[in-house]
Amino acid sequence: MKKTIVYILALIMTMSIIVQGNTIFASAATTAFPSLSSSAYCETIASKTIAVYKDSAFKTRGTTSPAQSYNAEIWAGDTCKLLSITDSYIKVEYPTSSGQKTGYVKCSAFIGVSSPTEKVTSKGQATTYSKAAKESWGYTEKGDVVYKLGESGNYTQIIYTAKSGNRAYKMGYVLTSDYNSKIISVGSGAVVGAASTVSNDIQKKLDALQQKYPTGTKWEKSFDGAIQCNGFAKLVFNTLYGTYPGAYADGAGNKLVITFKGARGDLKEVGSLTGSNVTASKVKTLMENAQVGDFIQIGYNDRDYPHSMIFLSFDKNNVYVVDCNSDGKCTVVWNNAKSFTNYFEKRCDSVVIYRAK
């Protein structure tokens, strides 16, 4: 019985599960927060109204500078300077109508874990966001120190190097697929294959497309006569490479006909799977040969029409794509997660990947 109690206590100490609104972060604490001060602070944007206290014991509402007792609070959208972070409190400077003020808030008001889950050196550039699924807020660069705080939906909360004057860090979000493919090393096992390598030119084009057609956009136009998922995928592929696949093939496992005329001949098939070969493990192996921007075509096992999408990255559980109309409402979704098991193995009877030569 004693051994069981000790084991449970140890598990509680090494795991932090904190609920914030409708978000649950579950992460093992493995490293400390960065050392901060007024001359090396971390900048972030509040996503909700936060109660401010005079001290770290949270006994009296108010501020330490100036020393005042009242129902002090930070408002959603306020740009804040985090001066110190512990597992229980954050000392923060924030704007008010009467000037900057300083006080203490609960750590959980900004962060979903009691300690970062890992500290890494960024291997590349990844767009950051002030809030999950909200406006872009800069980017990480190769060599930046990045602290992973936890995951929320398709996003990962991080603290990262962002030196400017007395600012040492920023705290925000990156797409989890970007964290896996652009920030951490391939050797860590999060992402393997060509998904982690993308030319600056292609990345800039993808970023521009994401700015023009962000997640939630209703794309109800056509491209070369193609509409919905196929039309949008062709538009993206053509923007990236100046070429695109041809029309659907009848009775060909929902693959595409490559029409070798003009620019459309500048394509090759990377690989394909059909029938009983569409298993989670085989699709994952196929995706290990994929590159950012490849054209993916799948056929469903329960309907006649296929689905087109553009490959972005993958991890051990999912392929991440940009596509349109996966909801049947012509909605564009970036980093749309497609499970190897629940999507490909259970719902698909063919998968093919095309690439610009």
Protein backbone atom coordinates (compact mmCIF):
# COMPACT_ATOMS: atom_id res chain seq x y z
CA MET A 1 0.00 0.00 0.00
CA LYS A 2 2.86 2.39 0.91
CA LYS A 3 4.56 1.77 -2.41
CA THR A 4 1.32 2.55 -4.24
CA ILE A 5 0.87 5.85 -2.38
CA VAL A 6 4.48 6.87 -3.01
CA TYR A 7 4.10 6.06 -6.70
CA ILE A 8 0.91 8.12 -6.98
CA LEU A 9 2.51 11.10 -5.20
CA ALA A 10 5.53 10.92 -7.49
CA LEU A 11 3.28 10.81 -10.52
CA ILE A 12 1.36 13.87 -9.30
CA MET A 13 4.60 15.76 -8.72
CA THR A 14 5.90 15.03 -12.23
CA MET A 15 2.67 15.65 -14.09
CA SER A 16 0.72 18.88 -14.32
CA ILE A 17 -2.83 18.84 -15.63
CA ILE A 18 -4.39 22.30 -15.53
CA VAL A 19 -7.74 23.34 -16.93
CA GLN A 20 -8.01 26.80 -18.49
CA GLY A 21 -11.50 27.55 -19.75
CA ASN A 22 -12.17 24.82 -22.29
CA THR A 23 -8.48 23.99 -22.72
CA ILE A 24 -6.68 21.18 -20.92
CA PHE A 25 -2.91 21.08 -20.91
CA ALA A 26 -1.30 17.81 -19.84
CA SER A 27 2.46 17.86 -19.71
CA ALA A 28 5.38 16.45 -17.75
CA ALA A 29 7.59 19.11 -16.16
CA THR A 30 11.20 18.69 -17.20
CA THR A 31 12.92 22.10 -17.10
CA ALA A 32 12.76 25.50 -15.41
CA PHE A 33 11.32 28.76 -16.67
CA PRO A 34 13.82 31.31 -17.99
CA SER A 35 15.24 33.83 -15.53
CA LEU A 36 13.45 37.16 -16.04
CA SER A 37 13.66 40.72 -14.72
CA SER A 38 12.70 44.27 -15.68
CA SER A 39 15.84 44.40 -17.84
CA ALA A 40 15.18 40.98 -19.40
CA TYR A 41 11.44 40.49 -19.49
CA CYS A 42 9.11 38.23 -21.48
CA GLU A 43 6.40 39.94 -23.52
CA THR A 44 2.98 38.41 -24.05
CA ILE A 45 -0.63 39.41 -24.73
CA ALA A 46 -3.38 38.60 -22.27
CA SER A 47 -6.18 36.50 -23.75
CA LYS A 48 -8.70 37.20 -20.97
CA THR A 49 -9.36 39.38 -17.92
CA ILE A 50 -6.89 38.49 -15.15
CA ALA A 51 -7.06 39.39 -11.44
CA VAL A 52 -3.97 41.19 -10.11
CA TYR A 53 -2.71 40.96 -6.50
CA LYS A 54 -0.31 42.95 -4.29
CA ASP A 55 1.78 39.89 -3.39
CA SER A 56 2.48 36.33 -4.44
CA ALA A 57 0.26 34.93 -1.67
CA PHE A 58 -2.81 36.32 -3.51
CA LYS A 59 -4.34 37.68 -0.29
CA THR A 60 -5.05 41.25 -1.37
CA ARG A 61 -6.10 42.56 -4.77
CA GLY A 62 -4.04 45.50 -5.98
CA THR A 63 -0.58 46.44 -7.25
CA THR A 64 2.92 46.59 -5.81
CA SER A 65 4.00 49.50 -7.99
CA PRO A 66 2.37 51.83 -7.24
CA ALA A 67 1.35 50.30 -3.89
CA GLN A 68 -2.43 50.32 -4.09
CA SER A 69 -5.26 48.11 -2.87
CA TYR A 70 -8.21 47.77 -5.26
CA ASN A 71 -9.72 45.27 -7.71
CA ALA A 72 -6.82 45.52 -10.11
CA GLU A 73 -7.04 43.52 -13.31
CA ILE A 74 -5.40 42.99 -16.67
CA TRP A 75 -7.71 43.18 -19.64
CA ALA A 76 -7.82 40.86 -22.63
CA GLY A 77 -5.56 42.27 -25.35
CA ASP A 78 -3.18 44.04 -22.95
CA THR A 79 0.50 43.70 -23.85
CA CYS A 80 2.21 42.56 -20.66
CA LYS A 81 5.80 42.28 -19.43
CA LEU A 82 6.43 39.13 -17.39
CA LEU A 83 9.17 40.02 -14.87
CA SER A 84 9.35 36.68 -13.05
CA ILE A 85 7.71 33.28 -13.50
CA THR A 86 7.43 30.50 -10.92
CA ASP A 87 5.24 27.42 -10.73
CA SER A 88 2.62 29.38 -8.75
CA TYR A 89 2.86 33.08 -9.62
CA ILE A 90 3.98 35.56 -12.24
CA LYS A 91 5.16 39.08 -11.47
CA VAL A 92 3.82 41.22 -14.28
CA GLU A 93 3.91 44.81 -15.53
CA TYR A 94 0.85 45.83 -17.51
CA PRO A 95 -0.74 48.96 -19.03
CA THR A 96 -3.60 50.95 -17.47
CA SER A 97 -5.28 54.27 -18.25
CA SER A 98 -3.07 55.88 -15.59
CA GLY A 99 0.20 54.31 -16.73
CA GLN A 100 2.15 51.09 -16.25
CA LYS A 101 1.53 49.12 -13.06
CA THR A 102 3.10 46.01 -11.51
CA GLY A 103 1.54 43.19 -9.52
CA TYR A 104 1.24 39.43 -9.15
CA VAL A 105 -1.03 37.00 -10.98
CA LYS A 106 -1.49 33.26 -10.76
CA CYS A 107 0.78 31.34 -13.13
CA SER A 108 -2.24 29.53 -14.56
CA ALA A 109 -3.63 32.87 -15.78
CA PHE A 110 -1.05 32.88 -18.58
CA ILE A 111 0.44 29.38 -18.67
CA GLY A 112 -1.13 25.93 -18.67
CA VAL A 113 1.70 24.05 -16.91
CA SER A 114 3.72 24.51 -13.72
CA SER A 115 7.04 24.13 -15.60
CA PRO A 116 8.13 23.94 -19.26
CA THR A 117 8.09 20.43 -20.67
CA GLU A 118 11.32 20.94 -22.61
CA LYS A 119 13.94 23.51 -23.59
CA VAL A 120 15.30 23.30 -27.14
CA THR A 121 17.30 25.29 -29.66
CA SER A 122 15.18 26.16 -32.67
CA LYS A 123 16.39 24.55 -35.89
CA GLY A 124 14.48 26.91 -38.16
CA GLN A 125 11.91 29.65 -38.60
CA ALA A 126 8.32 29.20 -37.44
CA THR A 127 5.52 31.76 -37.41
CA THR A 128 4.27 32.60 -33.92
CA TYR A 129 0.85 33.80 -32.80
CA SER A 130 -0.21 35.92 -29.85
CA LYS A 131 -3.08 33.54 -29.17
CA ALA A 132 -3.91 30.11 -30.57
CA ALA A 133 -5.55 30.44 -33.99
CA LYS A 134 -5.24 34.25 -33.86
CA GLU A 135 -3.07 36.93 -35.46
CA SER A 136 0.59 36.25 -36.27
CA TRP A 137 3.04 37.80 -33.85
CA GLY A 138 6.52 37.22 -35.25
CA TYR A 139 8.56 34.07 -35.63
CA THR A 140 11.27 31.93 -34.12
CA GLU A 141 14.65 31.90 -35.80
CA LYS A 142 17.33 29.25 -36.07
CA GLY A 143 19.33 29.24 -32.84
CA ASP A 144 16.58 30.74 -30.65
CA VAL A 145 16.06 29.20 -27.22
CA VAL A 146 12.52 27.80 -27.07
CA TYR A 147 10.64 26.59 -23.99
CA LYS A 148 7.68 24.33 -24.70
CA LEU A 149 4.81 24.98 -22.28
CA GLY A 150 2.01 22.72 -23.53
CA GLU A 151 -0.37 21.95 -26.38
CA SER A 152 -3.85 23.31 -27.03
CA GLY A 153 -5.67 21.88 -30.04
CA ASN A 154 -3.40 22.26 -33.08
CA TYR A 155 -1.19 24.81 -31.29
CA THR A 156 1.76 24.65 -28.88
CA GLN A 157 2.40 27.40 -26.34
CA ILE A 158 6.05 28.48 -26.16
CA ILE A 159 8.44 31.05 -24.72
CA TYR A 160 11.12 31.98 -27.24
CA THR A 161 14.08 34.32 -27.71
CA ALA A 162 12.96 37.74 -29.02
CA LYS A 163 15.57 40.29 -27.97
CA SER A 164 14.71 43.96 -28.43
CA GLY A 165 15.84 46.55 -25.87
CA ASN A 166 15.02 45.13 -22.43
CA ARG A 167 12.82 42.43 -23.90
CA ALA A 168 14.49 39.02 -23.82
CA TYR A 169 11.62 36.70 -24.77
CA LYS A 170 8.11 36.51 -26.13
CA MET A 171 5.44 34.04 -25.08
CA GLY A 172 2.94 32.91 -27.71
CA TYR A 173 1.84 29.98 -29.82
CA VAL A 174 3.05 28.07 -32.85
CA LEU A 175 1.27 25.41 -34.83
CA THR A 176 2.17 22.05 -33.32
CA SER A 177 3.16 20.79 -36.75
CA ASP A 178 5.54 23.78 -37.08
CA TYR A 179 6.97 23.06 -33.64
CA ASN A 180 7.66 19.49 -34.70
CA SER A 181 9.03 20.22 -38.17
CA LYS A 182 10.69 23.63 -37.83
CA ILE A 183 11.73 24.09 -34.19
CA ILE A 184 12.81 20.77 -32.72
CA SER A 185 15.39 18.53 -34.31
CA VAL A 186 14.39 15.64 -36.56
CA GLY A 187 16.48 13.38 -34.35
CA SER A 188 14.06 13.86 -31.46
CA GLY A 189 11.59 11.58 -33.20
CA ALA A 190 8.75 14.10 -33.50
CA VAL A 191 8.97 14.46 -37.26
CA VAL A 192 11.01 12.50 -39.78
CA GLY A 193 11.40 12.50 -43.54
CA ALA A 194 11.43 15.34 -46.01
CA ALA A 195 8.64 17.18 -44.19
CA SER A 196 11.26 19.01 -42.15
CA THR A 197 13.03 20.48 -45.19
CA VAL A 198 11.42 23.22 -47.24
CA SER A 199 13.10 25.91 -49.32
CA ASN A 200 12.75 29.54 -48.23
CA ASP A 201 11.04 30.31 -51.54
CA ILE A 202 8.35 27.67 -51.05
CA GLN A 203 7.90 28.64 -47.39
CA LYS A 204 7.41 32.29 -48.31
CA LYS A 205 4.81 31.32 -50.90
CA LEU A 206 3.01 29.13 -48.35
CA ASP A 207 3.06 31.94 -45.78
CA ALA A 208 1.63 34.34 -48.38
CA LEU A 209 -1.12 31.85 -49.26
CA GLN A 210 -1.96 31.37 -45.59
CA GLN A 211 -2.21 35.14 -45.16
CA LYS A 212 -4.49 35.41 -48.22
CA TYR A 213 -6.60 32.34 -47.42
CA PRO A 214 -6.39 31.86 -43.62
CA THR A 215 -8.17 29.04 -41.81
CA GLY A 216 -11.89 29.71 -41.92
CA THR A 217 -11.90 31.28 -45.39
CA LYS A 218 -14.79 30.17 -47.61
CA TRP A 219 -13.16 29.39 -50.98
CA GLU A 220 -16.08 29.06 -53.40
CA LYS A 221 -14.25 29.85 -56.63
CA SER A 222 -12.70 27.61 -59.29
CA PHE A 223 -9.28 26.96 -60.75
CA ASP A 224 -9.01 25.72 -64.34
CA GLY A 225 -12.57 24.46 -64.08
CA ALA A 226 -11.95 22.58 -60.81
CA ILE A 227 -13.88 23.56 -57.67
CA GLN A 228 -13.90 22.85 -53.94
CA CYS A 229 -11.03 20.69 -52.62
CA ASN A 230 -9.53 19.87 -56.01
CA GLY A 231 -9.67 23.44 -57.28
CA PHE A 232 -8.10 24.88 -54.13
CA ALA A 233 -5.35 22.23 -54.00
CA LYS A 234 -4.52 22.94 -57.65
CA LEU A 235 -4.42 26.67 -56.90
CA VAL A 236 -1.96 26.16 -54.03
CA PHE A 237 0.17 23.68 -55.97
CA ASN A 238 0.31 25.96 -59.02
CA THR A 239 1.25 28.96 -56.85
CA LEU A 240 4.11 26.96 -55.35
CA TYR A 241 5.43 25.26 -58.48
CA GLY A 242 3.79 26.74 -61.58
CA THR A 243 2.17 23.41 -62.49
CA TYR A 244 -0.72 21.24 -61.35
CA PRO A 245 -2.32 17.83 -61.93
CA GLY A 246 -4.94 17.15 -64.56
CA ALA A 247 -8.52 15.93 -64.29
CA TYR A 248 -9.97 13.03 -62.33
CA ALA A 249 -9.57 9.55 -63.76
CA ASP A 250 -12.67 7.39 -64.09
CA GLY A 251 -12.36 4.01 -62.40
CA ALA A 252 -8.70 4.51 -61.50
CA GLY A 253 -8.90 4.31 -57.74
CA ASN A 254 -9.66 8.02 -57.58
CA LYS A 255 -6.18 8.93 -58.74
CA LEU A 256 -5.62 11.84 -61.06
CA VAL A 257 -4.84 11.69 -64.74
CA ILE A 258 -1.53 13.42 -65.37
CA THR A 259 -2.08 15.28 -68.62
CA PHE A 260 1.40 15.58 -70.12
CA LYS A 261 0.77 18.83 -71.93
CA GLY A 262 2.66 22.04 -71.25
CA ALA A 263 3.40 22.79 -67.61
CA ARG A 264 1.22 19.92 -66.41
CA GLY A 265 3.72 17.40 -67.70
CA ASP A 266 6.23 18.58 -65.13
CA LEU A 267 4.92 16.16 -62.48
CA LYS A 268 5.77 12.76 -61.09
CA GLU A 269 4.07 10.25 -58.83
CA VAL A 270 5.91 9.86 -55.51
CA GLY A 271 3.99 6.75 -54.51
CA SER A 272 0.54 5.31 -54.00
CA LEU A 273 -1.49 2.76 -52.03
CA THR A 274 -4.81 1.09 -52.86
CA GLY A 275 -7.28 -1.31 -51.29
CA SER A 276 -6.09 -3.38 -48.34
CA ASN A 277 -2.65 -1.74 -48.55
CA VAL A 278 -4.08 1.49 -47.14
CA THR A 279 -3.04 0.79 -43.55
CA ALA A 280 -1.80 3.24 -40.92
CA SER A 281 1.75 1.90 -41.02
CA LYS A 282 1.98 1.88 -44.83
CA VAL A 283 0.53 5.37 -45.16
CA LYS A 284 3.07 6.62 -42.62
CA THR A 285 5.86 5.02 -44.64
CA LEU A 286 4.48 6.67 -47.77
CA MET A 287 4.40 10.06 -46.04
CA GLU A 288 8.04 9.69 -45.04
CA ASN A 289 8.76 10.24 -48.75
CA ALA A 290 6.55 13.32 -49.00
CA GLN A 291 7.81 16.88 -49.24
CA VAL A 292 6.19 20.13 -48.21
CA GLY A 293 3.83 21.20 -50.99
CA ASP A 294 3.21 17.75 -52.46
CA PHE A 295 -0.26 17.09 -53.87
CA ILE A 296 -2.15 14.33 -52.01
CA GLN A 297 -5.18 12.64 -53.56
CA ILE A 298 -7.27 10.12 -51.60
CA GLY A 299 -10.27 8.01 -52.50
CA TYR A 300 -12.89 7.24 -49.83
CA ASN A 301 -14.21 3.75 -49.25
CA ASP A 302 -17.77 4.95 -48.65
CA ARG A 303 -18.36 7.47 -51.46
CA ASP A 304 -17.60 8.01 -55.13
CA TYR A 305 -15.77 11.33 -55.01
CA PRO A 306 -12.15 11.77 -53.83
CA HIS A 307 -10.42 14.50 -51.79
CA SER A 308 -7.42 16.68 -52.72
CA MET A 309 -5.04 18.35 -50.27
CA ILE A 310 -1.50 19.73 -49.96
CA PHE A 311 1.07 18.07 -47.69
CA LEU A 312 2.66 20.24 -44.97
CA SER A 313 4.14 17.87 -42.36
CA PHE A 314 3.50 14.77 -40.27
CA ASP A 315 4.21 13.25 -36.88
CA LYS A 316 3.72 9.80 -35.39
CA ASN A 317 -0.09 10.10 -35.40
CA ASN A 318 -1.15 12.47 -38.16
CA VAL A 319 -0.49 14.01 -41.54
CA TYR A 320 -0.95 17.79 -41.55
CA VAL A 321 -2.34 19.33 -44.72
CA VAL A 322 -3.96 22.45 -46.08
CA ASP A 323 -7.25 21.69 -47.76
CA CYS A 324 -10.66 23.05 -48.64
CA ASN A 325 -14.15 21.61 -48.19
CA SER A 326 -13.24 18.88 -45.71
CA ASP A 327 -16.32 20.10 -43.82
CA GLY A 328 -18.52 20.12 -46.94
CA LYS A 329 -18.80 23.92 -46.66
CA CYS A 330 -15.78 25.01 -48.76
CA THR A 331 -13.83 26.01 -45.64
CA VAL A 332 -10.04 26.34 -45.92
CA VAL A 333 -8.11 24.71 -43.06
CA TRP A 334 -4.35 24.97 -42.55
CA ASN A 335 -2.53 22.20 -40.70
CA ASN A 336 -5.65 20.06 -40.82
CA ALA A 337 -4.72 16.85 -38.97
CA LYS A 338 -5.50 13.60 -40.81
CA SER A 339 -5.02 10.57 -38.56
CA PHE A 340 -3.10 7.60 -39.97
CA THR A 341 -5.58 5.28 -38.30
CA ASN A 342 -8.95 7.04 -38.03
CA TYR A 343 -8.76 8.83 -41.37
CA PHE A 344 -6.54 6.94 -43.81
CA GLU A 345 -6.90 3.35 -42.61
CA LYS A 346 -10.58 3.49 -41.69
CA ARG A 347 -11.96 5.80 -44.39
CA CYS A 348 -9.71 5.61 -47.45
CA ASP A 349 -9.21 2.99 -50.17
CA SER A 350 -6.54 4.86 -52.16
CA VAL A 351 -3.79 7.37 -51.53
CA VAL A 352 -1.45 8.92 -54.09
CA ILE A 353 1.16 11.67 -53.82
CA TYR A 354 2.23 13.89 -56.74
CA ARG A 355 5.25 16.18 -56.89
CA ALA A 356 6.53 18.85 -59.22
CA LYS A 357 9.70 17.61 -60.91
